[in-house]
Amino acid sequence: QVQVVESGGGSVQAGGSLRLSCAASGRTFSGYVVGWFRQVPGSEREFVASIFWSSGRRTYADSAKDRVTISRDAAKNTVYLQMDSLKPEDTAVYYCAARRLSEKEFDYWGQGTQVTVSS
């Protein structure tokens, strides 16, 4: 089974950019869908974006599609989430997750990485 490890979070001022990374461990992402989610304390976790590793097909949440880009690097076995024009309301813990193509639910989750956007 795959394990995922996020990195790249941090603090940035409004209008700035961050790139989050999600690396696979234990095996490659081949045959998986990789997604990014975020959660604010006291709120439900929400979907941000996902990518089919093999085909590269991308899906974005309506709230994010104008400011985020999900991509993959096969050589590094890593998925990236580029976030631009960040707003204070983007402050959250961002999680990377993976699911097999045959599954509906994301079963493999990382530990999360904090993103803080100050005004």
PDB file of N, CA and C in Angstrom:
ATOM      1  N   GLN A   1       0.827  -1.179   0.000  1.00  0.00           N
ATOM      2  CA  GLN A   1       0.000   0.000   0.000  1.00  0.00           C
ATOM      3  C   GLN A   1       0.872   1.244   0.000  1.00  0.00           C
ATOM      4  N   VAL A   2       0.310   2.315  -0.484  1.00  0.00           N
ATOM      5  CA  VAL A   2       1.075   3.541  -0.581  1.00  0.00           C
ATOM      6  C   VAL A   2       0.971   4.338   0.715  1.00  0.00           C
ATOM      7  N   GLN A   3       2.021   5.038   1.033  1.00  0.00           N
ATOM      8  CA  GLN A   3       2.024   6.008   2.115  1.00  0.00           C
ATOM      9  C   GLN A   3       2.302   7.371   1.515  1.00  0.00           C
ATOM     10  N   VAL A   4       1.688   8.404   2.094  1.00  0.00           N
ATOM     11  CA  VAL A   4       1.865   9.740   1.552  1.00  0.00           C
ATOM     12  C   VAL A   4       2.440  10.661   2.616  1.00  0.00           C
ATOM     13  N   VAL A   5       3.322  11.551   2.180  1.00  0.00           N
ATOM     14  CA  VAL A   5       3.980  12.486   3.082  1.00  0.00           C
ATOM     15  C   VAL A   5       3.904  13.876   2.476  1.00  0.00           C
ATOM     16  N   GLU A   6       3.244  14.792   3.201  1.00  0.00           N
ATOM     17  CA  GLU A   6       3.130  16.165   2.720  1.00  0.00           C
ATOM     18  C   GLU A   6       4.284  17.019   3.236  1.00  0.00           C
ATOM     19  N   SER A   7       4.548  18.073   2.498  1.00  0.00           N
ATOM     20  CA  SER A   7       5.510  19.084   2.922  1.00  0.00           C
ATOM     21  C   SER A   7       5.199  20.382   2.184  1.00  0.00           C
ATOM     22  N   GLY A   8       5.807  21.450   2.649  1.00  0.00           N
ATOM     23  CA  GLY A   8       5.685  22.710   1.930  1.00  0.00           C
ATOM     24  C   GLY A   8       4.769  23.732   2.559  1.00  0.00           C
ATOM     25  N   GLY A   9       4.130  23.390   3.653  1.00  0.00           N
ATOM     26  CA  GLY A   9       3.282  24.371   4.307  1.00  0.00           C
ATOM     27  C   GLY A   9       4.111  25.460   4.964  1.00  0.00           C
ATOM     28  N   GLY A  10       3.425  26.464   5.468  1.00  0.00           N
ATOM     29  CA  GLY A  10       4.120  27.548   6.138  1.00  0.00           C
ATOM     30  C   GLY A  10       3.234  28.766   6.248  1.00  0.00           C
ATOM     31  N   SER A  11       3.858  29.890   6.553  1.00  0.00           N
ATOM     32  CA  SER A  11       3.136  31.145   6.726  1.00  0.00           C
ATOM     33  C   SER A  11       3.447  32.080   5.568  1.00  0.00           C
ATOM     34  N   VAL A  12       2.433  32.746   5.083  1.00  0.00           N
ATOM     35  CA  VAL A  12       2.593  33.651   3.952  1.00  0.00           C
ATOM     36  C   VAL A  12       1.591  34.782   4.104  1.00  0.00           C
ATOM     37  N   GLN A  13       1.905  35.912   3.540  1.00  0.00           N
ATOM     38  CA  GLN A  13       0.971  37.031   3.566  1.00  0.00           C
ATOM     39  C   GLN A  13      -0.064  36.872   2.455  1.00  0.00           C
ATOM     40  N   ALA A  14      -1.197  37.504   2.663  1.00  0.00           N
ATOM     41  CA  ALA A  14      -2.256  37.470   1.659  1.00  0.00           C
ATOM     42  C   ALA A  14      -1.722  37.941   0.314  1.00  0.00           C
ATOM     43  N   GLY A  15      -2.132  37.225  -0.721  1.00  0.00           N
ATOM     44  CA  GLY A  15      -1.646  37.520  -2.061  1.00  0.00           C
ATOM     45  C   GLY A  15      -0.428  36.708  -2.457  1.00  0.00           C
ATOM     46  N   GLY A  16       0.169  36.056  -1.492  1.00  0.00           N
ATOM     47  CA  GLY A  16       1.349  35.257  -1.759  1.00  0.00           C
ATOM     48  C   GLY A  16       1.022  33.875  -2.301  1.00  0.00           C
ATOM     49  N   SER A  17       2.074  33.079  -2.477  1.00  0.00           N
ATOM     50  CA  SER A  17       1.941  31.747  -3.050  1.00  0.00           C
ATOM     51  C   SER A  17       2.672  30.715  -2.200  1.00  0.00           C
ATOM     52  N   LEU A  18       2.202  29.493  -2.283  1.00  0.00           N
ATOM     53  CA  LEU A  18       2.863  28.352  -1.665  1.00  0.00           C
ATOM     54  C   LEU A  18       2.704  27.155  -2.579  1.00  0.00           C
ATOM     55  N   ARG A  19       3.680  26.272  -2.544  1.00  0.00           N
ATOM     56  CA  ARG A  19       3.562  25.010  -3.255  1.00  0.00           C
ATOM     57  C   ARG A  19       3.704  23.867  -2.255  1.00  0.00           C
ATOM     58  N   LEU A  20       2.678  23.067  -2.161  1.00  0.00           N
ATOM     59  CA  LEU A  20       2.690  21.898  -1.292  1.00  0.00           C
ATOM     60  C   LEU A  20       3.103  20.682  -2.100  1.00  0.00           C
ATOM     61  N   SER A  21       3.799  19.792  -1.434  1.00  0.00           N
ATOM     62  CA  SER A  21       4.255  18.561  -2.073  1.00  0.00           C
ATOM     63  C   SER A  21       3.676  17.349  -1.360  1.00  0.00           C
ATOM     64  N   CYS A  22       3.409  16.314  -2.139  1.00  0.00           N
ATOM     65  CA  CYS A  22       2.908  15.053  -1.603  1.00  0.00           C
ATOM     66  C   CYS A  22       3.722  13.933  -2.243  1.00  0.00           C
ATOM     67  N   ALA A  23       4.552  13.324  -1.453  1.00  0.00           N
ATOM     68  CA  ALA A  23       5.425  12.276  -1.961  1.00  0.00           C
ATOM     69  C   ALA A  23       4.893  10.903  -1.577  1.00  0.00           C
ATOM     70  N   ALA A  24       5.037   9.965  -2.472  1.00  0.00           N
ATOM     71  CA  ALA A  24       4.630   8.586  -2.201  1.00  0.00           C
ATOM     72  C   ALA A  24       5.777   7.828  -1.566  1.00  0.00           C
ATOM     73  N   SER A  25       5.421   6.965  -0.642  1.00  0.00           N
ATOM     74  CA  SER A  25       6.395   6.117   0.021  1.00  0.00           C
ATOM     75  C   SER A  25       5.863   4.692   0.035  1.00  0.00           C
ATOM     76  N   GLY A  26       6.751   3.747  -0.175  1.00  0.00           N
ATOM     77  CA  GLY A  26       6.319   2.361  -0.143  1.00  0.00           C
ATOM     78  C   GLY A  26       6.007   1.786  -1.512  1.00  0.00           C
ATOM     79  N   ARG A  27       5.545   2.630  -2.395  1.00  0.00           N
ATOM     80  CA  ARG A  27       5.266   2.238  -3.768  1.00  0.00           C
ATOM     81  C   ARG A  27       5.018   3.519  -4.548  1.00  0.00           C
ATOM     82  N   THR A  28       4.762   3.395  -5.838  1.00  0.00           N
ATOM     83  CA  THR A  28       4.487   4.585  -6.641  1.00  0.00           C
ATOM     84  C   THR A  28       2.997   4.901  -6.589  1.00  0.00           C
ATOM     85  N   PHE A  29       2.632   6.052  -7.144  1.00  0.00           N
ATOM     86  CA  PHE A  29       1.236   6.449  -7.231  1.00  0.00           C
ATOM     87  C   PHE A  29       0.527   5.822  -8.438  1.00  0.00           C
ATOM     88  N   SER A  30       1.203   5.018  -9.163  1.00  0.00           N
ATOM     89  CA  SER A  30       0.592   4.402 -10.344  1.00  0.00           C
ATOM     90  C   SER A  30      -0.656   3.606  -9.955  1.00  0.00           C
ATOM     91  N   GLY A  31      -1.770   3.873 -10.640  1.00  0.00           N
ATOM     92  CA  GLY A  31      -3.013   3.193 -10.308  1.00  0.00           C
ATOM     93  C   GLY A  31      -3.819   3.876  -9.223  1.00  0.00           C
ATOM     94  N   TYR A  32      -3.385   5.074  -8.833  1.00  0.00           N
ATOM     95  CA  TYR A  32      -4.051   5.810  -7.760  1.00  0.00           C
ATOM     96  C   TYR A  32      -4.554   7.163  -8.255  1.00  0.00           C
ATOM     97  N   VAL A  33      -5.502   7.669  -7.516  1.00  0.00           N
ATOM     98  CA  VAL A  33      -5.912   9.062  -7.612  1.00  0.00           C
ATOM     99  C   VAL A  33      -5.363   9.753  -6.372  1.00  0.00           C
ATOM    100  N   VAL A  34      -4.757  10.894  -6.546  1.00  0.00           N
ATOM    101  CA  VAL A  34      -4.181  11.638  -5.428  1.00  0.00           C
ATOM    102  C   VAL A  34      -4.945  12.948  -5.269  1.00  0.00           C
ATOM    103  N   GLY A  35      -5.334  13.219  -4.056  1.00  0.00           N
ATOM    104  CA  GLY A  35      -6.125  14.416  -3.807  1.00  0.00           C
ATOM    105  C   GLY A  35      -5.559  15.275  -2.698  1.00  0.00           C
ATOM    106  N   TRP A  36      -5.942  16.531  -2.734  1.00  0.00           N
ATOM    107  CA  TRP A  36      -5.628  17.468  -1.651  1.00  0.00           C
ATOM    108  C   TRP A  36      -6.937  17.905  -0.995  1.00  0.00           C
ATOM    109  N   PHE A  37      -6.889  17.945   0.317  1.00  0.00           N
ATOM    110  CA  PHE A  37      -8.025  18.372   1.115  1.00  0.00           C
ATOM    111  C   PHE A  37      -7.516  19.375   2.147  1.00  0.00           C
ATOM    112  N   ARG A  38      -8.442  20.114   2.730  1.00  0.00           N
ATOM    113  CA  ARG A  38      -8.033  21.031   3.795  1.00  0.00           C
ATOM    114  C   ARG A  38      -9.089  21.039   4.886  1.00  0.00           C
ATOM    115  N   GLN A  39      -8.635  21.381   6.087  1.00  0.00           N
ATOM    116  CA  GLN A  39      -9.550  21.387   7.237  1.00  0.00           C
ATOM    117  C   GLN A  39      -9.187  22.498   8.201  1.00  0.00           C
ATOM    118  N   VAL A  40     -10.210  23.229   8.579  1.00  0.00           N
ATOM    119  CA  VAL A  40     -10.085  24.252   9.604  1.00  0.00           C
ATOM    120  C   VAL A  40     -10.648  23.660  10.895  1.00  0.00           C
ATOM    121  N   PRO A  41     -10.005  23.897  12.035  1.00  0.00           N
ATOM    122  CA  PRO A  41     -10.529  23.351  13.292  1.00  0.00           C
ATOM    123  C   PRO A  41     -12.002  23.705  13.487  1.00  0.00           C
ATOM    124  N   GLY A  42     -12.784  22.681  13.811  1.00  0.00           N
ATOM    125  CA  GLY A  42     -14.202  22.897  14.027  1.00  0.00           C
ATOM    126  C   GLY A  42     -15.042  22.774  12.776  1.00  0.00           C
ATOM    127  N   SER A  43     -14.388  22.573  11.644  1.00  0.00           N
ATOM    128  CA  SER A  43     -15.110  22.438  10.383  1.00  0.00           C
ATOM    129  C   SER A  43     -14.797  21.091   9.740  1.00  0.00           C
ATOM    130  N   GLU A  44     -15.630  20.709   8.796  1.00  0.00           N
ATOM    131  CA  GLU A  44     -15.386  19.459   8.088  1.00  0.00           C
ATOM    132  C   GLU A  44     -14.249  19.624   7.091  1.00  0.00           C
ATOM    133  N   ARG A  45     -13.609  18.535   6.819  1.00  0.00           N
ATOM    134  CA  ARG A  45     -12.555  18.540   5.816  1.00  0.00           C
ATOM    135  C   ARG A  45     -13.185  18.752   4.446  1.00  0.00           C
ATOM    136  N   GLU A  46     -12.575  19.581   3.629  1.00  0.00           N
ATOM    137  CA  GLU A  46     -13.135  19.866   2.316  1.00  0.00           C
ATOM    138  C   GLU A  46     -12.135  19.540   1.213  1.00  0.00           C
ATOM    139  N   PHE A  47     -12.689  19.128   0.100  1.00  0.00           N
ATOM    140  CA  PHE A  47     -11.902  18.771  -1.076  1.00  0.00           C
ATOM    141  C   PHE A  47     -11.354  20.021  -1.750  1.00  0.00           C
ATOM    142  N   VAL A  48     -10.110  19.935  -2.221  1.00  0.00           N
ATOM    143  CA  VAL A  48      -9.502  21.048  -2.937  1.00  0.00           C
ATOM    144  C   VAL A  48      -9.261  20.680  -4.402  1.00  0.00           C
ATOM    145  N   ALA A  49      -8.565  19.573  -4.614  1.00  0.00           N
ATOM    146  CA  ALA A  49      -8.227  19.175  -5.984  1.00  0.00           C
ATOM    147  C   ALA A  49      -7.767  17.723  -5.983  1.00  0.00           C
ATOM    148  N   SER A  50      -7.841  17.090  -7.154  1.00  0.00           N
ATOM    149  CA  SER A  50      -7.332  15.725  -7.292  1.00  0.00           C
ATOM    150  C   SER A  50      -6.795  15.519  -8.699  1.00  0.00           C
ATOM    151  N   ILE A  51      -5.980  14.476  -8.819  1.00  0.00           N
ATOM    152  CA  ILE A  51      -5.379  14.158 -10.104  1.00  0.00           C
ATOM    153  C   ILE A  51      -5.266  12.643 -10.247  1.00  0.00           C
ATOM    154  N   PHE A  52      -5.660  12.141 -11.418  1.00  0.00           N
ATOM    155  CA  PHE A  52      -5.434  10.738 -11.728  1.00  0.00           C
ATOM    156  C   PHE A  52      -3.974  10.611 -12.144  1.00  0.00           C
ATOM    157  N   TRP A  53      -3.239   9.784 -11.430  1.00  0.00           N
ATOM    158  CA  TRP A  53      -1.799   9.717 -11.658  1.00  0.00           C
ATOM    159  C   TRP A  53      -1.469   9.315 -13.089  1.00  0.00           C
ATOM    160  N   SER A  54      -2.140   8.294 -13.598  1.00  0.00           N
ATOM    161  CA  SER A  54      -1.783   7.757 -14.903  1.00  0.00           C
ATOM    162  C   SER A  54      -2.191   8.674 -16.054  1.00  0.00           C
ATOM    163  N   SER A  55      -3.415   9.197 -16.003  1.00  0.00           N
ATOM    164  CA  SER A  55      -3.915   9.998 -17.109  1.00  0.00           C
ATOM    165  C   SER A  55      -3.657  11.483 -16.938  1.00  0.00           C
ATOM    166  N   GLY A  56      -3.473  11.901 -15.702  1.00  0.00           N
ATOM    167  CA  GLY A  56      -3.281  13.325 -15.447  1.00  0.00           C
ATOM    168  C   GLY A  56      -4.569  14.117 -15.358  1.00  0.00           C
ATOM    169  N   ARG A  57      -5.710  13.437 -15.425  1.00  0.00           N
ATOM    170  CA  ARG A  57      -6.992  14.140 -15.345  1.00  0.00           C
ATOM    171  C   ARG A  57      -7.129  14.834 -13.998  1.00  0.00           C
ATOM    172  N   ARG A  58      -7.510  16.110 -14.049  1.00  0.00           N
ATOM    173  CA  ARG A  58      -7.589  16.937 -12.846  1.00  0.00           C
ATOM    174  C   ARG A  58      -9.031  17.325 -12.532  1.00  0.00           C
ATOM    175  N   THR A  59      -9.300  17.440 -11.249  1.00  0.00           N
ATOM    176  CA  THR A  59     -10.580  17.929 -10.767  1.00  0.00           C
ATOM    177  C   THR A  59     -10.313  18.962  -9.685  1.00  0.00           C
ATOM    178  N   TYR A  60     -11.077  20.059  -9.730  1.00  0.00           N
ATOM    179  CA  TYR A  60     -10.891  21.127  -8.753  1.00  0.00           C
ATOM    180  C   TYR A  60     -12.221  21.466  -8.078  1.00  0.00           C
ATOM    181  N   ALA A  61     -12.129  21.848  -6.822  1.00  0.00           N
ATOM    182  CA  ALA A  61     -13.297  22.425  -6.160  1.00  0.00           C
ATOM    183  C   ALA A  61     -13.579  23.778  -6.801  1.00  0.00           C
ATOM    184  N   ASP A  62     -14.843  24.127  -6.900  1.00  0.00           N
ATOM    185  CA  ASP A  62     -15.205  25.410  -7.510  1.00  0.00           C
ATOM    186  C   ASP A  62     -14.541  26.583  -6.793  1.00  0.00           C
ATOM    187  N   SER A  63     -14.405  26.453  -5.497  1.00  0.00           N
ATOM    188  CA  SER A  63     -13.837  27.554  -4.710  1.00  0.00           C
ATOM    189  C   SER A  63     -12.347  27.724  -4.927  1.00  0.00           C
ATOM    190  N   ALA A  64     -11.702  26.723  -5.542  1.00  0.00           N
ATOM    191  CA  ALA A  64     -10.246  26.760  -5.638  1.00  0.00           C
ATOM    192  C   ALA A  64      -9.720  26.839  -7.067  1.00  0.00           C
ATOM    193  N   LYS A  65     -10.541  26.520  -8.040  1.00  0.00           N
ATOM    194  CA  LYS A  65     -10.021  26.265  -9.378  1.00  0.00           C
ATOM    195  C   LYS A  65      -9.351  27.473 -10.026  1.00  0.00           C
ATOM    196  N   ASP A  66      -9.645  28.665  -9.578  1.00  0.00           N
ATOM    197  CA  ASP A  66      -9.014  29.834 -10.191  1.00  0.00           C
ATOM    198  C   ASP A  66      -7.672  30.168  -9.564  1.00  0.00           C
ATOM    199  N   ARG A  67      -7.351  29.532  -8.439  1.00  0.00           N
ATOM    200  CA  ARG A  67      -6.144  29.922  -7.723  1.00  0.00           C
ATOM    201  C   ARG A  67      -5.198  28.772  -7.402  1.00  0.00           C
ATOM    202  N   VAL A  68      -5.599  27.552  -7.690  1.00  0.00           N
ATOM    203  CA  VAL A  68      -4.724  26.425  -7.405  1.00  0.00           C
ATOM    204  C   VAL A  68      -4.510  25.593  -8.661  1.00  0.00           C
ATOM    205  N   THR A  69      -3.360  24.932  -8.685  1.00  0.00           N
ATOM    206  CA  THR A  69      -3.033  24.022  -9.773  1.00  0.00           C
ATOM    207  C   THR A  69      -2.438  22.763  -9.175  1.00  0.00           C
ATOM    208  N   ILE A  70      -3.000  21.618  -9.538  1.00  0.00           N
ATOM    209  CA  ILE A  70      -2.458  20.337  -9.096  1.00  0.00           C
ATOM    210  C   ILE A  70      -1.675  19.736 -10.251  1.00  0.00           C
ATOM    211  N   SER A  71      -0.538  19.163  -9.929  1.00  0.00           N
ATOM    212  CA  SER A  71       0.314  18.584 -10.969  1.00  0.00           C
ATOM    213  C   SER A  71       1.078  17.404 -10.392  1.00  0.00           C
ATOM    214  N   ARG A  72       1.753  16.677 -11.270  1.00  0.00           N
ATOM    215  CA  ARG A  72       2.509  15.515 -10.818  1.00  0.00           C
ATOM    216  C   ARG A  72       3.856  15.475 -11.500  1.00  0.00           C
ATOM    217  N   ASP A  73       4.810  14.866 -10.826  1.00  0.00           N
ATOM    218  CA  ASP A  73       6.149  14.657 -11.367  1.00  0.00           C
ATOM    219  C   ASP A  73       6.445  13.178 -11.218  1.00  0.00           C
ATOM    220  N   ALA A  74       6.385  12.457 -12.330  1.00  0.00           N
ATOM    221  CA  ALA A  74       6.573  11.015 -12.280  1.00  0.00           C
ATOM    222  C   ALA A  74       7.975  10.637 -11.816  1.00  0.00           C
ATOM    223  N   ALA A  75       8.958  11.412 -12.214  1.00  0.00           N
ATOM    224  CA  ALA A  75      10.338  11.099 -11.839  1.00  0.00           C
ATOM    225  C   ALA A  75      10.537  11.168 -10.332  1.00  0.00           C
ATOM    226  N   LYS A  76       9.792  12.064  -9.689  1.00  0.00           N
ATOM    227  CA  LYS A  76       9.916  12.231  -8.243  1.00  0.00           C
ATOM    228  C   LYS A  76       8.797  11.545  -7.483  1.00  0.00           C
ATOM    229  N   ASN A  77       7.859  10.959  -8.221  1.00  0.00           N
ATOM    230  CA  ASN A  77       6.730  10.280  -7.583  1.00  0.00           C
ATOM    231  C   ASN A  77       6.035  11.210  -6.586  1.00  0.00           C
ATOM    232  N   THR A  78       5.793  12.406  -7.054  1.00  0.00           N
ATOM    233  CA  THR A  78       5.281  13.469  -6.177  1.00  0.00           C
ATOM    234  C   THR A  78       4.167  14.231  -6.880  1.00  0.00           C
ATOM    235  N   VAL A  79       3.175  14.603  -6.086  1.00  0.00           N
ATOM    236  CA  VAL A  79       2.085  15.462  -6.541  1.00  0.00           C
ATOM    237  C   VAL A  79       2.239  16.813  -5.864  1.00  0.00           C
ATOM    238  N   TYR A  80       1.997  17.867  -6.622  1.00  0.00           N
ATOM    239  CA  TYR A  80       2.140  19.216  -6.101  1.00  0.00           C
ATOM    240  C   TYR A  80       0.793  19.936  -6.111  1.00  0.00           C
ATOM    241  N   LEU A  81       0.656  20.866  -5.178  1.00  0.00           N
ATOM    242  CA  LEU A  81      -0.484  21.773  -5.178  1.00  0.00           C
ATOM    243  C   LEU A  81       0.081  23.185  -5.120  1.00  0.00           C
ATOM    244  N   GLN A  82       0.013  23.867  -6.245  1.00  0.00           N
ATOM    245  CA  GLN A  82       0.455  25.250  -6.325  1.00  0.00           C
ATOM    246  C   GLN A  82      -0.716  26.156  -5.976  1.00  0.00           C
ATOM    247  N   MET A  83      -0.527  26.982  -4.975  1.00  0.00           N
ATOM    248  CA  MET A  83      -1.596  27.873  -4.522  1.00  0.00           C
ATOM    249  C   MET A  83      -1.134  29.317  -4.676  1.00  0.00           C
ATOM    250  N   ASP A  84      -1.896  30.097  -5.401  1.00  0.00           N
ATOM    251  CA  ASP A  84      -1.569  31.490  -5.669  1.00  0.00           C
ATOM    252  C   ASP A  84      -2.664  32.415  -5.137  1.00  0.00           C
ATOM    253  N   SER A  85      -2.319  33.674  -5.042  1.00  0.00           N
ATOM    254  CA  SER A  85      -3.275  34.689  -4.561  1.00  0.00           C
ATOM    255  C   SER A  85      -3.965  34.236  -3.282  1.00  0.00           C
ATOM    256  N   LEU A  86      -3.165  33.769  -2.353  1.00  0.00           N
ATOM    257  CA  LEU A  86      -3.714  33.199  -1.123  1.00  0.00           C
ATOM    258  C   LEU A  86      -4.452  34.249  -0.304  1.00  0.00           C
ATOM    259  N   LYS A  87      -5.506  33.783   0.362  1.00  0.00           N
ATOM    260  CA  LYS A  87      -6.337  34.634   1.200  1.00  0.00           C
ATOM    261  C   LYS A  87      -6.305  34.114   2.632  1.00  0.00           C
ATOM    262  N   PRO A  88      -6.589  34.974   3.609  1.00  0.00           N
ATOM    263  CA  PRO A  88      -6.616  34.493   4.996  1.00  0.00           C
ATOM    264  C   PRO A  88      -7.561  33.302   5.199  1.00  0.00           C
ATOM    265  N   GLU A  89      -8.639  33.243   4.443  1.00  0.00           N
ATOM    266  CA  GLU A  89      -9.565  32.127   4.583  1.00  0.00           C
ATOM    267  C   GLU A  89      -9.022  30.813   4.019  1.00  0.00           C
ATOM    268  N   ASP A  90      -7.864  30.867   3.399  1.00  0.00           N
ATOM    269  CA  ASP A  90      -7.201  29.630   2.956  1.00  0.00           C
ATOM    270  C   ASP A  90      -6.415  28.982   4.093  1.00  0.00           C
ATOM    271  N   THR A  91      -6.327  29.661   5.225  1.00  0.00           N
ATOM    272  CA  THR A  91      -5.630  29.109   6.376  1.00  0.00           C
ATOM    273  C   THR A  91      -6.298  27.821   6.823  1.00  0.00           C
ATOM    274  N   ALA A  92      -5.517  26.745   6.879  1.00  0.00           N
ATOM    275  CA  ALA A  92      -6.046  25.426   7.220  1.00  0.00           C
ATOM    276  C   ALA A  92      -4.892  24.438   7.291  1.00  0.00           C
ATOM    277  N   VAL A  93      -5.210  23.244   7.760  1.00  0.00           N
ATOM    278  CA  VAL A  93      -4.283  22.127   7.619  1.00  0.00           C
ATOM    279  C   VAL A  93      -4.622  21.447   6.291  1.00  0.00           C
ATOM    280  N   TYR A  94      -3.636  21.293   5.460  1.00  0.00           N
ATOM    281  CA  TYR A  94      -3.827  20.688   4.145  1.00  0.00           C
ATOM    282  C   TYR A  94      -3.330  19.243   4.179  1.00  0.00           C
ATOM    283  N   TYR A  95      -4.167  18.362   3.685  1.00  0.00           N
ATOM    284  CA  TYR A  95      -3.870  16.938   3.689  1.00  0.00           C
ATOM    285  C   TYR A  95      -3.787  16.403   2.262  1.00  0.00           C
ATOM    286  N   CYS A  96      -2.840  15.530   2.059  1.00  0.00           N
ATOM    287  CA  CYS A  96      -2.771  14.767   0.823  1.00  0.00           C
ATOM    288  C   CYS A  96      -3.339  13.374   1.098  1.00  0.00           C
ATOM    289  N   ALA A  97      -4.025  12.836   0.125  1.00  0.00           N
ATOM    290  CA  ALA A  97      -4.611  11.513   0.281  1.00  0.00           C
ATOM    291  C   ALA A  97      -4.580  10.783  -1.056  1.00  0.00           C
ATOM    292  N   ALA A  98      -4.652   9.478  -0.983  1.00  0.00           N
ATOM    293  CA  ALA A  98      -4.636   8.665  -2.198  1.00  0.00           C
ATOM    294  C   ALA A  98      -5.703   7.583  -2.112  1.00  0.00           C
ATOM    295  N   ARG A  99      -6.231   7.232  -3.257  1.00  0.00           N
ATOM    296  CA  ARG A  99      -7.161   6.107  -3.336  1.00  0.00           C
ATOM    297  C   ARG A  99      -6.872   5.329  -4.606  1.00  0.00           C
ATOM    298  N   ARG A 100      -7.146   4.038  -4.550  1.00  0.00           N
ATOM    299  CA  ARG A 100      -7.015   3.230  -5.748  1.00  0.00           C
ATOM    300  C   ARG A 100      -8.108   3.624  -6.736  1.00  0.00           C
ATOM    301  N   LEU A 101      -7.874   3.418  -7.997  1.00  0.00           N
ATOM    302  CA  LEU A 101      -8.862   3.745  -9.019  1.00  0.00           C
ATOM    303  C   LEU A 101     -10.170   3.011  -8.778  1.00  0.00           C
ATOM    304  N   SER A 102     -10.097   1.823  -8.221  1.00  0.00           N
ATOM    305  CA  SER A 102     -11.288   1.004  -8.022  1.00  0.00           C
ATOM    306  C   SER A 102     -12.073   1.396  -6.779  1.00  0.00           C
ATOM    307  N   GLU A 103     -11.523   2.265  -5.975  1.00  0.00           N
ATOM    308  CA  GLU A 103     -12.165   2.670  -4.733  1.00  0.00           C
ATOM    309  C   GLU A 103     -12.791   4.052  -4.868  1.00  0.00           C
ATOM    310  N   LYS A 104     -13.810   4.309  -4.044  1.00  0.00           N
ATOM    311  CA  LYS A 104     -14.452   5.624  -4.050  1.00  0.00           C
ATOM    312  C   LYS A 104     -13.897   6.526  -2.963  1.00  0.00           C
ATOM    313  N   GLU A 105     -13.441   5.912  -1.900  1.00  0.00           N
ATOM    314  CA  GLU A 105     -12.963   6.686  -0.769  1.00  0.00           C
ATOM    315  C   GLU A 105     -11.440   6.769  -0.778  1.00  0.00           C
ATOM    316  N   PHE A 106     -10.952   7.902  -0.281  1.00  0.00           N
ATOM    317  CA  PHE A 106      -9.514   8.061  -0.104  1.00  0.00           C
ATOM    318  C   PHE A 106      -9.116   7.344   1.182  1.00  0.00           C
ATOM    319  N   ASP A 107      -8.262   6.351   1.044  1.00  0.00           N
ATOM    320  CA  ASP A 107      -7.915   5.496   2.176  1.00  0.00           C
ATOM    321  C   ASP A 107      -6.569   5.829   2.812  1.00  0.00           C
ATOM    322  N   TYR A 108      -5.714   6.473   2.072  1.00  0.00           N
ATOM    323  CA  TYR A 108      -4.348   6.692   2.538  1.00  0.00           C
ATOM    324  C   TYR A 108      -4.109   8.186   2.698  1.00  0.00           C
ATOM    325  N   TRP A 109      -3.878   8.583   3.945  1.00  0.00           N
ATOM    326  CA  TRP A 109      -3.787   9.991   4.290  1.00  0.00           C
ATOM    327  C   TRP A 109      -2.441  10.331   4.878  1.00  0.00           C
ATOM    328  N   GLY A 110      -1.974  11.532   4.578  1.00  0.00           N
ATOM    329  CA  GLY A 110      -0.775  12.028   5.212  1.00  0.00           C
ATOM    330  C   GLY A 110      -1.101  12.672   6.534  1.00  0.00           C
ATOM    331  N   GLN A 111      -0.067  13.211   7.163  1.00  0.00           N
ATOM    332  CA  GLN A 111      -0.228  13.787   8.499  1.00  0.00           C
ATOM    333  C   GLN A 111      -0.724  15.223   8.458  1.00  0.00           C
ATOM    334  N   GLY A 112      -0.700  15.825   7.297  1.00  0.00           N
ATOM    335  CA  GLY A 112      -1.156  17.200   7.137  1.00  0.00           C
ATOM    336  C   GLY A 112      -0.027  18.199   7.270  1.00  0.00           C
ATOM    337  N   THR A 113      -0.221  19.328   6.624  1.00  0.00           N
ATOM    338  CA  THR A 113       0.746  20.417   6.710  1.00  0.00           C
ATOM    339  C   THR A 113      -0.016  21.730   6.871  1.00  0.00           C
ATOM    340  N   GLN A 114       0.438  22.550   7.809  1.00  0.00           N
ATOM    341  CA  GLN A 114      -0.276  23.785   8.144  1.00  0.00           C
ATOM    342  C   GLN A 114       0.047  24.885   7.150  1.00  0.00           C
ATOM    343  N   VAL A 115      -0.990  25.550   6.676  1.00  0.00           N
ATOM    344  CA  VAL A 115      -0.847  26.743   5.847  1.00  0.00           C
ATOM    345  C   VAL A 115      -1.534  27.892   6.579  1.00  0.00           C
ATOM    346  N   THR A 116      -0.791  28.946   6.812  1.00  0.00           N
ATOM    347  CA  THR A 116      -1.327  30.120   7.506  1.00  0.00           C
ATOM    348  C   THR A 116      -1.131  31.342   6.624  1.00  0.00           C
ATOM    349  N   VAL A 117      -2.237  32.017   6.329  1.00  0.00           N
ATOM    350  CA  VAL A 117      -2.197  33.209   5.488  1.00  0.00           C
ATOM    351  C   VAL A 117      -2.613  34.398   6.339  1.00  0.00           C
ATOM    352  N   SER A 118      -1.728  35.358   6.441  1.00  0.00           N
ATOM    353  CA  SER A 118      -2.016  36.541   7.256  1.00  0.00           C
ATOM    354  C   SER A 118      -2.422  37.711   6.370  1.00  0.00           C
ATOM    355  N   SER A 119      -3.257  38.563   6.941  1.00  0.00           N
ATOM    356  CA  SER A 119      -3.755  39.712   6.176  1.00  0.00           C
ATOM    357  C   SER A 119      -2.842  40.911   6.316  1.00  0.00           C
TER     358      SER A 119
END
